[in-house]
Amino acid sequence: MQKKQITGGYTLIEILVSIFIISIFLVLLQVAANTTLLNRTVRNRELALRIANTEIESLRLVPYASLPESGAFSDPLLSSLSQGEASRTITDFNSQTKQVVVTISWKEPGTISLHTVSLTTLITKGGL
């Protein structure tokens, strides 16, 4: 007596290989999504550093006695950051020197965390 062979179903090996291939695809998809998010974060951080550096360099061109007050400032590039805000804090470091801290903050789209970049420098009466 001959046994009938069933040829209409999938073997366990075929199912496992299919699951493995789908798993690899899903992992690669997640890696691509994370890479995109990381690239955006790095680009925004670089932009924030550029804004802060531009503000510090512009303050170095101002005479010591004419340095502005602490507070918010604007920059054309700031609108490129989601909910971007910029501020500077100018305090007396000693009688001949002021400390300047420029802070840029923004929120990444789709997240709730606030990102902040700060640059600090000293400006003296005699120049740098």
Protein backbone atom coordinates (compact mmCIF):
# COMPACT_ATOMS: atom_id res chain seq x y z
CA MET A 1 0.00 0.00 0.00
CA GLN A 2 1.30 3.37 -1.00
CA LYS A 3 0.97 6.46 1.16
CA LYS A 4 -0.36 9.66 -0.34
CA GLN A 5 1.99 12.59 -0.21
CA ILE A 6 0.52 15.91 0.72
CA THR A 7 2.02 18.65 -1.42
CA GLY A 8 -0.34 21.54 -0.76
CA GLY A 9 1.12 22.89 2.51
CA TYR A 10 4.29 24.56 3.73
CA THR A 11 7.03 22.78 5.59
CA LEU A 12 8.37 23.98 8.90
CA ILE A 13 11.65 25.00 7.24
CA GLU A 14 9.82 27.18 4.69
CA ILE A 15 7.87 28.91 7.43
CA LEU A 16 11.01 29.52 9.51
CA VAL A 17 12.89 30.92 6.50
CA SER A 18 9.94 33.22 5.73
CA ILE A 19 9.81 34.46 9.33
CA PHE A 20 13.58 35.04 9.27
CA ILE A 21 13.39 37.06 6.03
CA ILE A 22 10.48 39.15 7.32
CA SER A 23 12.34 39.76 10.61
CA ILE A 24 15.45 40.96 8.75
CA PHE A 25 13.29 43.30 6.65
CA LEU A 26 11.61 44.76 9.77
CA VAL A 27 14.98 45.29 11.48
CA LEU A 28 16.33 47.08 8.41
CA LEU A 29 13.22 49.23 8.27
CA GLN A 30 13.69 50.24 11.93
CA VAL A 31 17.38 51.00 11.34
CA ALA A 32 16.46 53.24 8.40
CA ALA A 33 13.90 55.11 10.52
CA ASN A 34 16.38 55.60 13.37
CA THR A 35 19.06 56.79 10.94
CA THR A 36 16.69 59.38 9.51
CA LEU A 37 15.85 60.65 13.01
CA LEU A 38 19.51 60.76 14.00
CA ASN A 39 20.45 62.65 10.83
CA ARG A 40 17.76 65.26 11.54
CA THR A 41 18.94 65.66 15.14
CA VAL A 42 22.57 66.08 14.06
CA ARG A 43 21.58 68.61 11.37
CA ASN A 44 19.55 70.64 13.88
CA ARG A 45 22.38 70.56 16.42
CA GLU A 46 24.85 71.77 13.81
CA LEU A 47 22.45 74.57 12.85
CA ALA A 48 22.00 75.59 16.49
CA LEU A 49 25.79 75.69 16.97
CA ARG A 50 26.12 77.84 13.84
CA ILE A 51 23.50 80.30 15.17
CA ALA A 52 25.22 80.49 18.58
CA ASN A 53 28.65 80.95 17.02
CA THR A 54 27.36 83.71 14.72
CA GLU A 55 25.91 85.55 17.72
CA ILE A 56 29.16 85.27 19.68
CA GLU A 57 31.18 86.54 16.72
CA SER A 58 28.80 89.48 16.24
CA LEU A 59 29.11 90.36 19.95
CA ARG A 60 32.90 90.36 19.64
CA LEU A 61 32.59 93.10 17.01
CA VAL A 62 30.64 95.34 19.41
CA PRO A 63 32.67 97.69 21.63
CA TYR A 64 32.90 96.46 25.22
CA ALA A 65 30.92 99.40 26.62
CA SER A 66 28.13 98.85 24.06
CA LEU A 67 27.47 95.15 24.68
CA PRO A 68 23.70 94.52 24.73
CA GLU A 69 21.70 93.36 27.72
CA SER A 70 20.97 89.72 28.41
CA GLY A 71 17.85 88.38 26.75
CA ALA A 72 16.41 86.82 23.65
CA PHE A 73 17.77 87.55 20.19
CA SER A 74 16.72 86.63 16.69
CA ASP A 75 18.52 85.06 13.77
CA PRO A 76 17.18 84.26 10.30
CA LEU A 77 18.27 80.62 10.65
CA LEU A 78 16.31 80.21 13.89
CA SER A 79 13.09 79.65 11.94
CA SER A 80 14.66 76.46 10.52
CA LEU A 81 14.52 74.88 13.99
CA SER A 82 11.19 73.57 15.24
CA GLN A 83 10.08 75.86 18.09
CA GLY A 84 13.57 77.39 18.12
CA GLU A 85 14.47 79.96 20.77
CA ALA A 86 17.69 81.89 21.27
CA SER A 87 18.97 83.80 24.28
CA ARG A 88 22.19 85.35 25.51
CA THR A 89 23.29 85.96 29.07
CA ILE A 90 25.95 88.60 29.63
CA THR A 91 27.42 88.85 33.13
CA ASP A 92 30.45 90.49 34.71
CA PHE A 93 33.28 87.98 34.97
CA ASN A 94 35.56 90.56 36.58
CA SER A 95 36.06 94.33 36.25
CA GLN A 96 37.65 94.02 32.79
CA THR A 97 35.80 90.99 31.41
CA LYS A 98 32.25 89.92 30.63
CA GLN A 99 31.11 86.33 30.27
CA VAL A 100 28.71 85.64 27.41
CA VAL A 101 26.59 82.49 27.27
CA VAL A 102 24.55 81.97 24.11
CA THR A 103 21.86 79.29 24.35
CA ILE A 104 19.79 77.85 21.51
CA SER A 105 16.93 75.47 22.26
CA TRP A 106 14.47 73.61 20.04
CA LYS A 107 12.13 70.63 19.96
CA GLU A 108 12.50 67.85 17.45
CA PRO A 109 9.26 67.26 15.53
CA GLY A 110 7.44 64.22 16.86
CA THR A 111 9.22 64.26 20.23
CA ILE A 112 8.59 65.97 23.55
CA SER A 113 12.22 66.44 24.55
CA LEU A 114 13.83 69.88 24.45
CA HIS A 115 17.31 70.05 22.90
CA THR A 116 19.71 72.77 24.03
CA VAL A 117 23.10 73.97 22.85
CA SER A 118 25.15 76.57 24.75
CA LEU A 119 28.39 78.33 23.87
CA THR A 120 30.33 80.39 26.40
CA THR A 121 33.03 82.98 25.81
CA LEU A 122 34.76 85.85 27.57
CA ILE A 123 34.93 89.37 26.12
CA THR A 124 37.43 91.82 27.59
CA LYS A 125 37.77 95.59 27.37
CA GLY A 126 40.99 95.23 25.41
CA GLY A 127 39.56 92.76 22.90
CA LEU A 128 39.75 88.99 22.93
